[in-house]
Each structure stands twice: as C-alpha cells, then as structure tokens.
Amino acid sequence: MNIFKIVLTRQFYFSVIATIILPFITFAQSIPLQLLPSGHIIVEAEIEGKRGNFIFDTGGGINLFFDDFAKELKKNESYNFLTAFRATGEKMTIPLYRSSTIKFNGREFNDIPFSTFDMKLAGIDGLISLPMFYDTEFIIDYTKKQLIFPKEKLKSDKIIPIQLTTNADQSLDISTYIYLNKKYRINILLDSGAGDDSFWFSDRFISTLELDPTKLEVTERASEFNPQIKTKYSKGHIKSISNSFAKRENPTVFFVEGLIYEGKTSINWLGKKLGFNLKEKKIYLLD
C-alpha cells in the first residue's frame, strides 16, 4: 500500500482547476474528468455534504482528505490508526476515520474508511482511492475525459488480470504482471496517482537487465514529509515494457532505491478506455 507517494510536476502545483459540471444520466452514470498536463485525474465528490476536488488515485490505498478540507467534516477523535509505507519504504502512521456518506457520480457510498494529512495543493482537497469501488464497476475514458459507472456488466475480449492488496479491508491497491524487455516477468502497482507515463522499478533490476550503472542519471530526492529521508533515483531507458495487449518501446524509466514493489507504473499506457472490476480482479480494455 502506498498512500503518500504523489510525485507531481511543477505544472500540477500551479494548474487551475476547471469548473466541473454536475453528473448526467445517459445509458450510464458518468462524471467529467479533468486531466492535468501531468496526467493526474481530478474528480469532484461530496463528502459528508461538503464538495471538493480530488485526485483519483488507484495507488492511494485509502481516501485521504487534506486537513483544511477535513476540519469541516463532522468526525470524532479517533484512537484507530493505519501504518503504511510509501513506495520508497518510508513508514507512515496515520489516523483512521470512516465517512458516513460520500456522494460520487450520482451514487452514495457509506461507511468508507479515510485518513487525513496536513498537505496543501492548489485546488485539491485530497485523494479518492479504490476501497469504496470494490463492488462497483467503473470505466476511465481518457479520450472523452469521463469516469463512468456502466449500466451493463463490463465485457471485452481483452482482459488484464489484476491482484488486490488490502490491509484489514481498510485499504485497497491493485497490481498486475508485465514484462521488461520481453523477458523478465514482474509485478507492478498500478498507480493513476503517478500521472502519465511514470515507470518506476526497483534498483535491483539494474543488474538483472544488465544495465551499466555509470550510464544512468542519478539524482537524490528528500522526502516531502521528512527531509532527513533521501532516496536515490537512477534514470535511464530499457528496451520495452509490455503485457499481452500494450507495449512501450524504449521508455524512460527510474530505478528507485528501496522501492517496496518490483515496479510501479501509471495506467494510461494500458489503453485509452479502461474498465475496472475489482471484485473479479479484472481490467477490461474497451478502446
């Protein structure tokens, strides 16, 4: 699980959130998405009667509301907590609450776990993550910029199997298997919260892929939450990233020191229209 792993470009910090219109009903319930230049997905939701704009984050693990937004929610002090780890291995212990009511895309979700954190991002009130969608199929349509709750059950001849990771049913992340250079099969976290074309892999694979470490561009970044914690990122290229239906040739990748996953990638490279059924552990390619 990886709650606080948002790596955002400068474009993200200064993006202006466009007006989001109300959901409308056609053959399915759909809500418009705002796609930032960085590829981050922004949606509107109503939490305990309070509206806000949120990053739709398949790698967030749990709904997270920033303190300025959360202070207006009716919540009791909580003795419950959740201990989780960022992708880089940084340990985070956060308070655990439950939302009595969340209205999203024309539906109401009840008794949903969430946490809070003191973070400020212009125009953003937090993250909406996967736990509340376990029983609800949904579609992300990058072309039409919509998130859709389909009226009919999802169907496609192209299906990507996924795996679920939970923590006492309080959090939920998804992963899948891909190939590096058509040879090495690894499991990756699927993380829409990383924006577009983000490809992180454990630095263990530098030697596996027979790369020359001296030819990689190495940088060191301090944690946004604890400046004393620093992580090395080695930037380079590999021949390909692929599964049965999608492929990226010669992608720019980062090998991350201490990454707790074999890999972590964005989801946009899988297809332009993706259908998710978490309960059946499937992503449908619909484009």
Protein backbone atom coordinates (compact mmCIF):
# COMPACT_ATOMS: atom_id res chain seq x y z
CA MET A 1 0.00 0.00 0.00
CA ASN A 2 1.27 3.44 -0.86
CA ILE A 3 -0.67 6.42 0.44
CA PHE A 4 1.72 9.32 0.18
CA LYS A 5 3.68 8.70 -2.98
CA ILE A 6 2.47 11.59 -5.10
CA VAL A 7 5.28 12.81 -7.31
CA LEU A 8 3.96 15.89 -9.06
CA THR A 9 5.40 18.16 -11.71
CA ARG A 10 5.50 21.93 -11.32
CA GLN A 11 2.62 22.03 -13.77
CA PHE A 12 0.50 20.19 -11.23
CA TYR A 13 1.10 22.63 -8.41
CA PHE A 14 0.05 25.60 -10.48
CA SER A 15 -2.77 24.03 -12.52
CA VAL A 16 -6.07 25.83 -12.24
CA ILE A 17 -8.99 23.52 -11.58
CA ALA A 18 -11.63 23.97 -14.27
CA THR A 19 -15.31 24.10 -13.36
CA ILE A 20 -16.68 20.58 -13.10
CA ILE A 21 -20.27 20.19 -14.25
CA LEU A 22 -22.82 18.01 -12.49
CA PRO A 23 -23.07 14.31 -13.35
CA PHE A 24 -25.57 13.48 -16.07
CA ILE A 25 -27.53 10.37 -16.92
CA THR A 26 -27.43 8.69 -20.36
CA PHE A 27 -27.03 4.96 -20.68
CA ALA A 28 -24.72 5.06 -17.69
CA GLN A 29 -23.75 7.40 -14.90
CA SER A 30 -20.73 9.47 -15.85
CA ILE A 31 -18.78 12.33 -14.39
CA PRO A 32 -16.35 14.54 -16.30
CA LEU A 33 -12.68 14.18 -15.50
CA GLN A 34 -10.15 16.93 -15.57
CA LEU A 35 -6.83 15.67 -16.91
CA LEU A 36 -3.97 17.89 -15.83
CA PRO A 37 -0.95 18.37 -18.12
CA SER A 38 0.89 15.96 -15.82
CA GLY A 39 -1.76 13.30 -16.48
CA HIS A 40 -3.28 13.41 -12.99
CA ILE A 41 -7.04 12.76 -12.91
CA ILE A 42 -9.21 15.23 -10.96
CA VAL A 43 -12.79 14.40 -9.93
CA GLU A 44 -15.46 16.04 -7.82
CA ALA A 45 -17.05 14.32 -4.82
CA GLU A 46 -19.26 15.30 -1.90
CA ILE A 47 -18.01 14.15 1.50
CA GLU A 48 -20.49 14.47 4.40
CA GLY A 49 -22.28 17.17 2.39
CA LYS A 50 -19.09 19.11 1.58
CA ARG A 51 -17.93 19.25 -2.06
CA GLY A 52 -14.32 19.09 -3.06
CA ASN A 53 -11.91 18.29 -5.88
CA PHE A 54 -9.79 15.17 -5.54
CA ILE A 55 -7.05 13.26 -7.32
CA PHE A 56 -8.48 9.92 -8.47
CA ASP A 57 -5.69 7.67 -7.27
CA THR A 58 -5.68 3.91 -7.89
CA GLY A 59 -2.40 3.71 -5.95
CA GLY A 60 -3.50 5.73 -2.92
CA GLY A 61 -4.75 2.79 -0.87
CA ILE A 62 -7.31 4.78 1.13
CA ASN A 63 -9.29 8.00 0.78
CA LEU A 64 -7.17 10.86 2.08
CA PHE A 65 -8.51 14.32 2.87
CA PHE A 66 -6.20 17.26 3.46
CA ASP A 67 -6.56 18.96 6.84
CA ASP A 68 -8.06 22.22 5.52
CA PHE A 69 -10.90 20.19 3.97
CA ALA A 70 -11.22 17.60 6.73
CA LYS A 71 -11.53 20.15 9.57
CA GLU A 72 -15.04 21.00 8.34
CA LEU A 73 -16.15 17.35 8.35
CA LYS A 74 -18.08 16.02 11.30
CA LYS A 75 -15.75 13.43 12.75
CA ASN A 76 -14.96 12.27 16.25
CA GLU A 77 -11.46 11.93 17.59
CA SER A 78 -10.19 8.50 16.62
CA TYR A 79 -7.99 6.08 18.52
CA ASN A 80 -7.74 3.93 15.37
CA PHE A 81 -4.77 4.25 13.07
CA LEU A 82 -3.19 2.75 9.99
CA THR A 83 0.51 2.13 9.43
CA ALA A 84 1.52 2.08 5.79
CA PHE A 85 4.58 2.63 3.65
CA ARG A 86 5.29 4.94 0.78
CA ALA A 87 6.66 3.38 -2.38
CA THR A 88 10.15 4.35 -1.23
CA GLY A 89 9.71 2.44 2.03
CA GLU A 90 9.07 5.48 4.23
CA LYS A 91 6.87 4.45 7.16
CA MET A 92 3.71 6.49 7.77
CA THR A 93 1.27 6.11 10.69
CA ILE A 94 -1.98 7.98 10.13
CA PRO A 95 -5.33 8.36 11.95
CA LEU A 96 -8.21 6.25 10.71
CA TYR A 97 -11.79 7.52 10.40
CA ARG A 98 -14.93 6.49 8.49
CA SER A 99 -17.09 8.61 6.18
CA SER A 100 -20.79 8.07 6.84
CA THR A 101 -21.75 9.36 3.37
CA ILE A 102 -19.85 10.02 0.14
CA LYS A 103 -21.75 11.11 -2.97
CA PHE A 104 -19.84 10.42 -6.14
CA ASN A 105 -21.00 10.22 -9.74
CA GLY A 106 -24.67 10.00 -8.79
CA ARG A 107 -24.20 7.25 -6.21
CA GLU A 108 -23.95 7.20 -2.46
CA PHE A 109 -21.25 5.24 -0.62
CA ASN A 110 -21.49 4.67 3.12
CA ASP A 111 -19.11 3.80 5.96
CA ILE A 112 -15.93 4.29 3.93
CA PRO A 113 -12.52 4.43 5.69
CA PHE A 114 -10.42 7.56 5.27
CA SER A 115 -7.47 9.36 6.78
CA THR A 116 -6.25 12.96 6.92
CA PHE A 117 -2.96 14.70 6.44
CA ASP A 118 -1.62 18.24 6.65
CA MET A 119 -0.87 18.91 2.98
CA LYS A 120 -1.71 21.80 0.68
CA LEU A 121 -2.02 21.53 -3.12
CA ALA A 122 -3.68 24.36 -5.02
CA GLY A 123 -7.29 23.49 -5.83
CA ILE A 124 -7.00 19.93 -4.46
CA ASP A 125 -8.73 18.63 -1.33
CA GLY A 126 -7.26 15.13 -1.17
CA LEU A 127 -7.35 11.72 -2.84
CA ILE A 128 -10.20 9.42 -3.80
CA SER A 129 -8.94 5.84 -3.82
CA LEU A 130 -10.24 2.33 -4.54
CA PRO A 131 -11.79 0.79 -1.38
CA MET A 132 -15.28 2.21 -1.95
CA PHE A 133 -15.37 0.82 -5.51
CA TYR A 134 -14.85 -2.84 -4.61
CA ASP A 135 -18.48 -3.68 -5.51
CA THR A 136 -18.84 -1.07 -8.27
CA GLU A 137 -17.54 -1.44 -11.81
CA PHE A 138 -16.17 1.75 -13.32
CA ILE A 139 -14.58 2.98 -16.54
CA ILE A 140 -11.86 5.59 -17.03
CA ASP A 141 -12.20 7.05 -20.53
CA TYR A 142 -9.16 9.17 -21.34
CA THR A 143 -10.49 10.19 -24.76
CA LYS A 144 -13.87 11.51 -23.61
CA LYS A 145 -12.46 12.55 -20.22
CA GLN A 146 -15.10 10.73 -18.21
CA LEU A 147 -15.37 8.37 -15.29
CA ILE A 148 -18.34 6.08 -15.94
CA PHE A 149 -20.42 3.68 -13.88
CA PRO A 150 -21.66 1.37 -16.67
CA LYS A 151 -25.28 0.28 -16.78
CA GLU A 152 -24.40 -3.14 -18.18
CA LYS A 153 -21.75 -5.52 -16.88
CA LEU A 154 -18.35 -4.90 -18.43
CA LYS A 155 -17.34 -7.17 -21.31
CA SER A 156 -14.30 -7.36 -23.55
CA ASP A 157 -12.14 -9.93 -25.29
CA LYS A 158 -9.13 -8.10 -23.88
CA ILE A 159 -8.79 -8.62 -20.14
CA ILE A 160 -5.82 -7.82 -17.90
CA PRO A 161 -5.83 -9.89 -14.68
CA ILE A 162 -5.08 -7.88 -11.55
CA GLN A 163 -4.21 -8.70 -7.96
CA LEU A 164 -5.56 -6.98 -4.84
CA THR A 165 -3.61 -5.92 -1.76
CA THR A 166 -5.57 -4.94 1.36
CA ASN A 167 -4.88 -4.09 4.99
CA ALA A 168 -7.75 -5.44 7.11
CA ASP A 169 -10.12 -4.25 4.35
CA GLN A 170 -9.27 -0.65 5.26
CA SER A 171 -7.10 -0.08 2.19
CA LEU A 172 -7.00 -1.44 -1.35
CA ASP A 173 -4.33 -1.38 -4.04
CA ILE A 174 -4.15 -3.19 -7.38
CA SER A 175 -1.26 -4.71 -9.27
CA THR A 176 -0.61 -6.74 -12.40
CA TYR A 177 2.18 -8.62 -14.18
CA ILE A 178 4.17 -7.18 -17.06
CA TYR A 179 7.36 -8.00 -18.93
CA LEU A 180 10.55 -5.98 -19.06
CA ASN A 181 12.42 -6.38 -22.36
CA LYS A 182 10.03 -9.21 -23.30
CA LYS A 183 11.90 -11.45 -20.85
CA TYR A 184 11.54 -10.58 -17.17
CA ARG A 185 8.06 -11.03 -15.67
CA ILE A 186 7.47 -8.73 -12.69
CA ASN A 187 4.55 -7.50 -10.62
CA ILE A 188 3.77 -3.76 -10.62
CA LEU A 189 1.48 -1.49 -8.62
CA LEU A 190 -0.99 0.30 -10.93
CA ASP A 191 -0.97 3.93 -9.90
CA SER A 192 -3.11 6.56 -11.63
CA GLY A 193 -1.89 8.99 -8.97
CA ALA A 194 1.54 8.98 -10.60
CA GLY A 195 0.26 10.90 -13.64
CA ASP A 196 1.10 9.83 -17.21
CA ASP A 197 4.00 7.69 -18.40
CA SER A 198 5.51 7.08 -14.98
CA PHE A 199 7.64 3.94 -14.82
CA TRP A 200 9.42 3.08 -11.57
CA PHE A 201 11.28 -0.15 -10.93
CA SER A 202 13.33 -1.49 -8.05
CA ASP A 203 17.02 -0.72 -8.36
CA ARG A 204 17.55 -4.48 -8.03
CA PHE A 205 16.71 -4.73 -11.74
CA ILE A 206 19.68 -2.63 -12.85
CA SER A 207 21.88 -5.70 -12.71
CA THR A 208 19.12 -8.09 -13.84
CA LEU A 209 18.68 -6.06 -17.03
CA GLU A 210 22.45 -5.88 -17.46
CA LEU A 211 22.50 -2.09 -17.48
CA ASP A 212 25.64 -0.08 -16.92
CA PRO A 213 25.05 1.92 -13.69
CA THR A 214 27.58 4.56 -14.78
CA LYS A 215 25.37 5.44 -17.75
CA LEU A 216 22.30 6.12 -15.62
CA GLU A 217 21.45 9.65 -14.45
CA VAL A 218 21.41 9.52 -10.67
CA THR A 219 19.59 12.07 -8.52
CA GLU A 220 18.72 12.18 -4.83
CA ARG A 221 15.42 13.49 -3.52
CA ALA A 222 14.41 14.34 0.02
CA SER A 223 11.05 13.13 1.30
CA GLU A 224 8.26 15.70 1.25
CA PHE A 225 7.32 14.53 4.76
CA ASN A 226 10.74 14.04 6.36
CA PRO A 227 13.62 15.94 4.70
CA GLN A 228 16.11 13.75 6.53
CA ILE A 229 15.00 10.75 4.46
CA LYS A 230 16.57 10.77 1.00
CA THR A 231 16.12 8.34 -1.90
CA LYS A 232 18.26 7.78 -4.98
CA TYR A 233 16.63 7.63 -8.42
CA SER A 234 18.56 6.28 -11.42
CA LYS A 235 17.09 7.46 -14.72
CA GLY A 236 17.61 5.57 -17.95
CA HIS A 237 15.93 3.60 -20.74
CA ILE A 238 15.07 -0.05 -21.28
CA LYS A 239 14.05 -1.85 -24.47
CA SER A 240 10.37 -2.32 -23.65
CA ILE A 241 7.56 -2.64 -21.13
CA SER A 242 4.68 -4.88 -22.18
CA ASN A 243 1.79 -7.18 -21.40
CA SER A 244 -0.49 -9.14 -23.74
CA PHE A 245 -2.19 -6.02 -25.12
CA ALA A 246 0.02 -2.99 -24.52
CA LYS A 247 3.65 -2.14 -25.12
CA ARG A 248 6.01 0.80 -24.71
CA GLU A 249 9.27 0.78 -26.66
CA ASN A 250 12.40 2.41 -25.24
CA PRO A 251 10.57 4.08 -22.31
CA THR A 252 12.24 6.44 -19.89
CA VAL A 253 12.31 4.67 -16.52
CA PHE A 254 13.51 5.25 -12.98
CA PHE A 255 15.21 2.64 -10.85
CA VAL A 256 14.32 3.60 -7.28
CA GLU A 257 16.41 2.78 -4.25
CA GLY A 258 14.46 0.75 -1.70
CA LEU A 259 11.24 0.56 -3.76
CA ILE A 260 8.87 -1.75 -1.88
CA TYR A 261 7.38 -3.07 -5.14
CA GLU A 262 9.06 -4.80 -8.06
CA GLY A 263 7.63 -1.92 -10.05
CA LYS A 264 5.06 0.88 -10.04
CA THR A 265 3.60 2.48 -13.17
CA SER A 266 0.89 4.84 -14.32
CA ILE A 267 -2.17 3.30 -16.00
CA ASN A 268 -2.51 5.47 -19.13
CA TRP A 269 -0.14 3.27 -21.15
CA LEU A 270 -2.52 0.29 -20.83
CA GLY A 271 -5.23 1.88 -23.02
CA LYS A 272 -7.44 4.88 -23.65
CA LYS A 273 -10.58 3.33 -22.14
CA LEU A 274 -10.15 1.04 -19.15
CA GLY A 275 -12.92 -0.82 -17.31
CA PHE A 276 -12.31 -1.98 -13.74
CA ASN A 277 -13.97 -4.85 -11.87
CA LEU A 278 -12.12 -5.09 -8.56
CA LYS A 279 -14.20 -7.93 -7.12
CA GLU A 280 -13.45 -10.16 -10.13
CA LYS A 281 -9.86 -8.88 -10.37
CA LYS A 282 -10.08 -7.71 -13.98
CA ILE A 283 -9.30 -4.67 -16.11
CA TYR A 284 -11.19 -4.62 -19.41
CA LEU A 285 -9.63 -2.89 -22.40
CA LEU A 286 -12.55 -1.12 -24.06
CA ASP A 287 -10.86 1.06 -26.70
